[in-house]
Amino acid sequence: MISASKFTHPSLFFLARNMDRHHYEIFTKFGDEGFLLHLDNARGFGRHSHDEMSILAPLIQCCIIKRSTLLRLRLLARPEYRLSDVMRDSLGRDPLKPILTEPHLQALDRRLEHVLRTVVRCVKRLGEAQVVVTDFVEASMGCNP
């Protein structure tokens, strides 16, 4: 079975322009219950003026994203929860501030729009049921023992 995480993670790495995080190994020493092992060389955020679209290749080519990730990304694209504002607020409390410059924060919003546009194109081409993978169970009003 293919894990939707394999296709969802690149969307998040793209936001931070984390070039090395789209390299990973699938750890399967214990059989089918394997997991993704990401290799990171601390190369995140890079140049704010360049969006490395190759990081999105798994999403562009396979058109799969977890519903929970898509819902969160859509929320972070709304004006009241804009990703750059959330990050600015969170990082503003760090003793080493500024962690990210304003151009890097603005790049997050621009990259988020790239991800969401990619998902929209996938849904138009393949349909939402094939693109958006349900990865959680919504609570129901009743309980059937």
N, C-alpha and C. Protein backbone atom coordinates (compact mmCIF):
# COMPACT_ATOMS: atom_id res chain seq x y z
N MET A 1 0.84 -1.18 0.00
CA MET A 1 0.00 0.00 0.00
C MET A 1 0.89 1.25 0.00
N ILE A 2 0.54 2.23 -0.80
CA ILE A 2 1.30 3.47 -0.90
C ILE A 2 0.81 4.44 0.16
N SER A 3 1.72 5.00 0.91
CA SER A 3 1.37 5.96 1.95
C SER A 3 1.13 7.34 1.33
N ALA A 4 0.00 7.96 1.71
CA ALA A 4 -0.29 9.31 1.23
C ALA A 4 0.74 10.29 1.76
N SER A 5 1.40 9.97 2.86
CA SER A 5 2.42 10.85 3.43
C SER A 5 3.56 11.07 2.44
N LYS A 6 3.86 10.05 1.66
CA LYS A 6 4.94 10.15 0.68
C LYS A 6 4.68 11.28 -0.31
N PHE A 7 3.40 11.55 -0.59
CA PHE A 7 3.04 12.58 -1.54
C PHE A 7 2.69 13.90 -0.87
N THR A 8 2.33 13.85 0.40
CA THR A 8 1.95 15.06 1.14
C THR A 8 3.16 15.81 1.65
N HIS A 9 4.17 15.11 2.13
CA HIS A 9 5.35 15.77 2.69
C HIS A 9 6.02 16.75 1.74
N PRO A 10 6.16 16.43 0.47
CA PRO A 10 6.81 17.41 -0.42
C PRO A 10 6.10 18.77 -0.45
N SER A 11 4.79 18.77 -0.28
CA SER A 11 4.06 20.05 -0.24
C SER A 11 4.56 20.91 0.90
N LEU A 12 4.81 20.29 2.04
CA LEU A 12 5.30 21.03 3.20
C LEU A 12 6.76 21.44 3.02
N PHE A 13 7.55 20.57 2.42
CA PHE A 13 8.96 20.89 2.18
C PHE A 13 9.09 22.03 1.19
N PHE A 14 8.18 22.07 0.23
CA PHE A 14 8.19 23.14 -0.77
C PHE A 14 8.00 24.50 -0.11
N LEU A 15 7.13 24.57 0.89
CA LEU A 15 6.88 25.85 1.57
C LEU A 15 8.16 26.44 2.13
N ALA A 16 8.99 25.57 2.70
CA ALA A 16 10.25 26.03 3.30
C ALA A 16 11.42 25.95 2.33
N ARG A 17 11.13 25.59 1.08
CA ARG A 17 12.18 25.40 0.06
C ARG A 17 13.29 24.49 0.59
N ASN A 18 12.85 23.43 1.24
CA ASN A 18 13.76 22.49 1.85
C ASN A 18 14.17 21.45 0.80
N MET A 19 15.23 21.76 0.09
CA MET A 19 15.66 20.98 -1.07
C MET A 19 16.03 19.54 -0.74
N ASP A 20 16.64 19.30 0.41
CA ASP A 20 17.09 17.95 0.69
C ASP A 20 16.01 17.08 1.31
N ARG A 21 14.93 17.66 1.77
CA ARG A 21 13.90 16.87 2.42
C ARG A 21 13.03 16.10 1.45
N HIS A 22 13.19 16.31 0.15
CA HIS A 22 12.43 15.45 -0.74
C HIS A 22 13.23 14.19 -1.08
N HIS A 23 14.30 13.98 -0.32
CA HIS A 23 15.06 12.74 -0.40
C HIS A 23 14.79 11.96 0.88
N TYR A 24 14.36 10.73 0.72
CA TYR A 24 13.99 9.94 1.88
C TYR A 24 14.21 8.46 1.57
N GLU A 25 14.16 7.69 2.59
CA GLU A 25 14.21 6.24 2.46
C GLU A 25 12.95 5.69 3.12
N ILE A 26 12.48 4.57 2.64
CA ILE A 26 11.35 3.90 3.29
C ILE A 26 11.94 2.78 4.12
N PHE A 27 11.78 2.90 5.42
CA PHE A 27 12.33 1.95 6.38
C PHE A 27 11.34 0.80 6.54
N THR A 28 11.71 -0.38 6.05
CA THR A 28 10.78 -1.52 6.08
C THR A 28 11.39 -2.74 6.75
N LYS A 29 12.34 -2.54 7.62
CA LYS A 29 13.00 -3.67 8.28
C LYS A 29 12.01 -4.60 8.96
N PHE A 30 10.91 -4.04 9.44
CA PHE A 30 9.92 -4.83 10.17
C PHE A 30 8.70 -5.17 9.31
N GLY A 31 8.88 -5.24 8.01
CA GLY A 31 7.81 -5.66 7.11
C GLY A 31 6.96 -4.51 6.61
N ASP A 32 5.69 -4.80 6.42
CA ASP A 32 4.76 -3.83 5.84
C ASP A 32 4.50 -2.63 6.74
N GLU A 33 4.84 -2.70 7.98
CA GLU A 33 4.61 -1.60 8.91
C GLU A 33 5.79 -0.63 8.90
N GLY A 34 6.29 -0.32 7.73
CA GLY A 34 7.43 0.57 7.59
C GLY A 34 7.04 2.03 7.75
N PHE A 35 8.02 2.90 7.65
CA PHE A 35 7.77 4.33 7.78
C PHE A 35 8.79 5.08 6.93
N LEU A 36 8.45 6.33 6.64
CA LEU A 36 9.35 7.18 5.88
C LEU A 36 10.44 7.73 6.79
N LEU A 37 11.66 7.67 6.35
CA LEU A 37 12.79 8.22 7.08
C LEU A 37 13.35 9.35 6.23
N HIS A 38 13.18 10.58 6.69
CA HIS A 38 13.63 11.74 5.94
C HIS A 38 15.07 12.09 6.33
N LEU A 39 15.85 12.42 5.33
CA LEU A 39 17.23 12.82 5.54
C LEU A 39 17.30 14.33 5.40
N ASP A 40 17.86 15.00 6.40
CA ASP A 40 17.86 16.46 6.39
C ASP A 40 19.27 16.97 6.66
N ASN A 41 19.70 17.89 5.80
CA ASN A 41 21.01 18.50 5.96
C ASN A 41 20.91 19.97 6.34
N ALA A 42 19.81 20.34 6.96
CA ALA A 42 19.58 21.71 7.45
C ALA A 42 19.72 22.75 6.34
N ARG A 43 19.02 22.52 5.25
CA ARG A 43 19.12 23.41 4.11
C ARG A 43 17.79 24.10 3.83
N GLY A 44 17.03 24.39 4.85
CA GLY A 44 15.70 24.94 4.66
C GLY A 44 15.68 26.43 4.34
N PHE A 45 14.62 26.84 3.72
CA PHE A 45 14.26 28.21 3.35
C PHE A 45 15.06 28.78 2.20
N GLY A 46 16.33 28.54 2.08
CA GLY A 46 17.06 28.95 0.89
C GLY A 46 16.79 30.37 0.44
N ARG A 47 16.80 30.59 -0.86
CA ARG A 47 16.55 31.93 -1.42
C ARG A 47 15.06 32.21 -1.43
N HIS A 48 14.67 33.32 -0.87
CA HIS A 48 13.26 33.67 -0.81
C HIS A 48 12.68 33.98 -2.18
N SER A 49 13.51 34.36 -3.12
CA SER A 49 13.02 34.79 -4.43
C SER A 49 12.89 33.64 -5.44
N HIS A 50 13.21 32.43 -5.03
CA HIS A 50 13.16 31.30 -5.95
C HIS A 50 12.30 30.18 -5.36
N ASP A 51 11.32 29.74 -6.12
CA ASP A 51 10.48 28.61 -5.72
C ASP A 51 10.91 27.39 -6.51
N GLU A 52 11.49 26.44 -5.84
CA GLU A 52 12.02 25.25 -6.51
C GLU A 52 10.89 24.25 -6.76
N MET A 53 10.32 24.34 -7.95
CA MET A 53 9.14 23.55 -8.28
C MET A 53 9.41 22.05 -8.31
N SER A 54 10.66 21.64 -8.48
CA SER A 54 10.96 20.21 -8.51
C SER A 54 10.62 19.53 -7.19
N ILE A 55 10.60 20.29 -6.10
CA ILE A 55 10.25 19.71 -4.81
C ILE A 55 8.79 19.23 -4.82
N LEU A 56 7.96 19.88 -5.61
CA LEU A 56 6.55 19.51 -5.70
C LEU A 56 6.29 18.35 -6.67
N ALA A 57 7.32 17.79 -7.27
CA ALA A 57 7.13 16.75 -8.28
C ALA A 57 6.21 15.62 -7.83
N PRO A 58 6.34 15.07 -6.63
CA PRO A 58 5.42 13.99 -6.24
C PRO A 58 3.95 14.43 -6.25
N LEU A 59 3.67 15.64 -5.81
CA LEU A 59 2.30 16.13 -5.83
C LEU A 59 1.84 16.39 -7.27
N ILE A 60 2.69 17.02 -8.06
CA ILE A 60 2.34 17.33 -9.45
C ILE A 60 2.11 16.05 -10.26
N GLN A 61 2.97 15.07 -10.09
CA GLN A 61 2.91 13.86 -10.90
C GLN A 61 1.87 12.86 -10.41
N CYS A 62 1.73 12.72 -9.09
CA CYS A 62 0.85 11.69 -8.55
C CYS A 62 -0.51 12.21 -8.08
N CYS A 63 -0.60 13.52 -7.85
CA CYS A 63 -1.87 14.15 -7.47
C CYS A 63 -2.54 13.45 -6.28
N ILE A 64 -1.81 13.32 -5.19
CA ILE A 64 -2.35 12.75 -3.97
C ILE A 64 -1.95 13.65 -2.81
N ILE A 65 -2.93 13.98 -1.95
CA ILE A 65 -2.65 14.76 -0.75
C ILE A 65 -3.61 14.32 0.34
N LYS A 66 -3.14 14.30 1.56
CA LYS A 66 -4.01 13.92 2.68
C LYS A 66 -5.01 15.04 2.96
N ARG A 67 -6.24 14.65 3.25
CA ARG A 67 -7.30 15.62 3.52
C ARG A 67 -6.93 16.54 4.68
N SER A 68 -6.36 16.00 5.75
CA SER A 68 -6.02 16.83 6.91
C SER A 68 -4.99 17.89 6.53
N THR A 69 -4.03 17.53 5.70
CA THR A 69 -3.02 18.49 5.25
C THR A 69 -3.65 19.56 4.38
N LEU A 70 -4.50 19.15 3.45
CA LEU A 70 -5.16 20.10 2.56
C LEU A 70 -6.03 21.08 3.36
N LEU A 71 -6.76 20.59 4.32
CA LEU A 71 -7.60 21.47 5.15
C LEU A 71 -6.75 22.49 5.90
N ARG A 72 -5.62 22.05 6.43
CA ARG A 72 -4.74 22.96 7.17
C ARG A 72 -4.12 23.99 6.23
N LEU A 73 -3.70 23.56 5.06
CA LEU A 73 -3.12 24.50 4.09
C LEU A 73 -4.15 25.53 3.64
N ARG A 74 -5.37 25.09 3.42
CA ARG A 74 -6.44 26.03 3.05
C ARG A 74 -6.68 27.05 4.16
N LEU A 75 -6.65 26.59 5.39
CA LEU A 75 -6.82 27.50 6.53
C LEU A 75 -5.70 28.53 6.56
N LEU A 76 -4.47 28.09 6.33
CA LEU A 76 -3.32 28.99 6.37
C LEU A 76 -3.25 29.94 5.17
N ALA A 77 -4.11 29.74 4.20
CA ALA A 77 -4.20 30.66 3.06
C ALA A 77 -5.25 31.74 3.30
N ARG A 78 -6.05 31.59 4.34
CA ARG A 78 -7.09 32.58 4.64
C ARG A 78 -6.46 33.82 5.27
N PRO A 79 -6.99 34.99 4.99
CA PRO A 79 -6.39 36.24 5.52
C PRO A 79 -6.25 36.26 7.04
N GLU A 80 -7.20 35.69 7.75
CA GLU A 80 -7.12 35.74 9.21
C GLU A 80 -6.14 34.74 9.82
N TYR A 81 -5.66 33.78 9.03
CA TYR A 81 -4.69 32.79 9.52
C TYR A 81 -3.51 32.66 8.56
N ARG A 82 -3.19 33.71 7.84
CA ARG A 82 -2.15 33.66 6.80
C ARG A 82 -0.86 33.04 7.37
N LEU A 83 -0.29 32.13 6.60
CA LEU A 83 0.90 31.40 7.03
C LEU A 83 2.02 32.33 7.47
N SER A 84 2.29 33.38 6.71
CA SER A 84 3.37 34.30 7.08
C SER A 84 3.09 34.96 8.43
N ASP A 85 1.85 35.32 8.70
CA ASP A 85 1.49 35.95 9.97
C ASP A 85 1.64 34.98 11.14
N VAL A 86 1.20 33.74 10.92
CA VAL A 86 1.32 32.71 11.97
C VAL A 86 2.79 32.45 12.28
N MET A 87 3.60 32.33 11.23
CA MET A 87 5.04 32.10 11.45
C MET A 87 5.72 33.30 12.09
N ARG A 88 5.37 34.49 11.64
CA ARG A 88 5.96 35.71 12.20
C ARG A 88 5.67 35.78 13.71
N ASP A 89 4.44 35.50 14.07
CA ASP A 89 4.04 35.53 15.48
C ASP A 89 4.77 34.47 16.29
N SER A 90 4.82 33.27 15.75
CA SER A 90 5.48 32.16 16.45
C SER A 90 6.98 32.40 16.61
N LEU A 91 7.63 32.82 15.53
CA LEU A 91 9.08 33.02 15.56
C LEU A 91 9.47 34.30 16.30
N GLY A 92 8.53 35.21 16.45
CA GLY A 92 8.80 36.47 17.14
C GLY A 92 9.14 36.29 18.61
N ARG A 93 8.77 35.16 19.15
CA ARG A 93 9.05 34.87 20.57
C ARG A 93 10.39 34.16 20.77
N ASP A 94 11.06 33.83 19.67
CA ASP A 94 12.33 33.11 19.76
C ASP A 94 13.44 34.07 20.18
N PRO A 95 14.28 33.67 21.13
CA PRO A 95 15.37 34.56 21.57
C PRO A 95 16.38 34.87 20.46
N LEU A 96 16.42 34.08 19.42
CA LEU A 96 17.36 34.31 18.32
C LEU A 96 16.73 35.11 17.17
N LYS A 97 15.58 35.71 17.42
CA LYS A 97 14.88 36.43 16.34
C LYS A 97 15.74 37.53 15.76
N PRO A 98 15.58 37.87 14.53
CA PRO A 98 14.63 37.28 13.60
C PRO A 98 15.16 35.98 12.99
N ILE A 99 14.34 34.98 13.01
CA ILE A 99 14.71 33.69 12.42
C ILE A 99 14.57 33.75 10.91
N LEU A 100 13.46 34.33 10.45
CA LEU A 100 13.22 34.50 9.02
C LEU A 100 13.03 35.97 8.70
N THR A 101 13.56 36.39 7.58
CA THR A 101 13.38 37.77 7.15
C THR A 101 11.98 37.93 6.57
N GLU A 102 11.54 39.15 6.43
CA GLU A 102 10.22 39.41 5.85
C GLU A 102 10.07 38.82 4.44
N PRO A 103 11.07 38.93 3.57
CA PRO A 103 10.93 38.29 2.26
C PRO A 103 10.74 36.77 2.34
N HIS A 104 11.37 36.11 3.32
CA HIS A 104 11.17 34.67 3.49
C HIS A 104 9.76 34.38 3.96
N LEU A 105 9.23 35.21 4.83
CA LEU A 105 7.85 35.01 5.30
C LEU A 105 6.86 35.20 4.15
N GLN A 106 7.08 36.19 3.31
CA GLN A 106 6.21 36.41 2.16
C GLN A 106 6.32 35.25 1.16
N ALA A 107 7.50 34.67 1.06
CA ALA A 107 7.68 33.52 0.17
C ALA A 107 6.82 32.34 0.61
N LEU A 108 6.61 32.18 1.92
CA LEU A 108 5.76 31.10 2.41
C LEU A 108 4.35 31.22 1.84
N ASP A 109 3.80 32.44 1.86
CA ASP A 109 2.45 32.65 1.32
C ASP A 109 2.41 32.37 -0.18
N ARG A 110 3.41 32.82 -0.91
CA ARG A 110 3.46 32.60 -2.35
C ARG A 110 3.56 31.11 -2.66
N ARG A 111 4.38 30.40 -1.92
CA ARG A 111 4.55 28.96 -2.15
C ARG A 111 3.30 28.19 -1.77
N LEU A 112 2.64 28.64 -0.73
CA LEU A 112 1.39 28.00 -0.33
C LEU A 112 0.37 28.10 -1.47
N GLU A 113 0.32 29.24 -2.11
CA GLU A 113 -0.59 29.40 -3.26
C GLU A 113 -0.21 28.44 -4.40
N HIS A 114 1.07 28.22 -4.62
CA HIS A 114 1.51 27.25 -5.63
C HIS A 114 0.97 25.86 -5.31
N VAL A 115 1.11 25.45 -4.04
CA VAL A 115 0.64 24.13 -3.62
C VAL A 115 -0.87 24.01 -3.84
N LEU A 116 -1.62 25.01 -3.39
CA LEU A 116 -3.08 24.95 -3.52
C LEU A 116 -3.52 24.96 -4.98
N ARG A 117 -2.84 25.74 -5.82
CA ARG A 117 -3.17 25.73 -7.26
C ARG A 117 -2.88 24.36 -7.88
N THR A 118 -1.81 23.73 -7.44
CA THR A 118 -1.48 22.40 -7.94
C THR A 118 -2.57 21.41 -7.57
N VAL A 119 -3.05 21.48 -6.35
CA VAL A 119 -4.12 20.57 -5.92
C VAL A 119 -5.39 20.84 -6.73
N VAL A 120 -5.72 22.10 -6.95
CA VAL A 120 -6.91 22.44 -7.76
C VAL A 120 -6.79 21.85 -9.16
N ARG A 121 -5.62 21.97 -9.78
CA ARG A 121 -5.43 21.40 -11.12
C ARG A 121 -5.60 19.87 -11.10
N CYS A 122 -5.07 19.24 -10.06
CA CYS A 122 -5.22 17.78 -9.93
C CYS A 122 -6.69 17.39 -9.79
N VAL A 123 -7.41 18.11 -8.95
CA VAL A 123 -8.83 17.80 -8.72
C VAL A 123 -9.63 18.00 -10.01
N LYS A 124 -9.34 19.05 -10.74
CA LYS A 124 -10.05 19.29 -12.02
C LYS A 124 -9.79 18.15 -13.00
N ARG A 125 -8.58 17.62 -12.97
CA ARG A 125 -8.21 16.58 -13.93
C ARG A 125 -8.70 15.19 -13.51
N LEU A 126 -8.60 14.88 -12.19
CA LEU A 126 -8.86 13.51 -11.73
C LEU A 126 -10.07 13.37 -10.81
N GLY A 127 -10.56 14.46 -10.28
CA GLY A 127 -11.66 14.40 -9.32
C GLY A 127 -11.15 14.36 -7.89
N GLU A 128 -11.90 14.98 -6.99
CA GLU A 128 -11.46 15.08 -5.60
C GLU A 128 -11.29 13.73 -4.93
N ALA A 129 -12.16 12.78 -5.24
CA ALA A 129 -12.11 11.46 -4.58
C ALA A 129 -10.78 10.75 -4.85
N GLN A 130 -10.18 10.99 -6.01
CA GLN A 130 -8.92 10.34 -6.32
C GLN A 130 -7.72 11.11 -5.78
N VAL A 131 -7.85 12.41 -5.63
CA VAL A 131 -6.72 13.25 -5.23
C VAL A 131 -6.61 13.38 -3.71
N VAL A 132 -7.72 13.63 -3.06
CA VAL A 132 -7.72 13.91 -1.62
C VAL A 132 -8.00 12.62 -0.86
N VAL A 133 -7.01 12.17 -0.10
CA VAL A 133 -7.09 10.91 0.63
C VAL A 133 -7.53 11.18 2.06
N THR A 134 -8.60 10.51 2.46
CA THR A 134 -9.08 10.67 3.85
C THR A 134 -8.10 9.96 4.77
N ASP A 135 -7.59 10.71 5.74
CA ASP A 135 -6.59 10.15 6.66
C ASP A 135 -7.03 10.23 8.11
N PHE A 136 -8.29 10.61 8.34
CA PHE A 136 -8.82 10.62 9.70
C PHE A 136 -10.31 10.34 9.63
N VAL A 137 -10.85 9.92 10.74
CA VAL A 137 -12.27 9.61 10.81
C VAL A 137 -12.96 10.74 11.54
N GLU A 138 -13.96 11.34 10.88
CA GLU A 138 -14.68 12.42 11.50
C GLU A 138 -15.62 11.86 12.57
N ALA A 139 -15.76 12.59 13.66
CA ALA A 139 -16.64 12.16 14.75
C ALA A 139 -18.09 12.19 14.28
N SER A 140 -18.84 11.19 14.68
CA SER A 140 -20.26 11.16 14.33
C SER A 140 -21.09 11.62 15.52
N MET A 141 -22.33 11.99 15.25
CA MET A 141 -23.22 12.49 16.30
C MET A 141 -23.64 11.37 17.25
N GLY A 142 -23.79 10.19 16.75
CA GLY A 142 -24.26 9.08 17.59
C GLY A 142 -23.17 8.06 17.80
N CYS A 143 -23.46 7.13 18.67
CA CYS A 143 -22.49 6.06 18.94
C CYS A 143 -23.22 4.74 18.80
N ASN A 144 -22.72 3.88 17.95
CA ASN A 144 -23.32 2.57 17.76
C ASN A 144 -22.40 1.53 18.36
N PRO A 145 -22.75 1.01 19.56
CA PRO A 145 -21.87 0.02 20.19
C PRO A 145 -21.83 -1.28 19.46
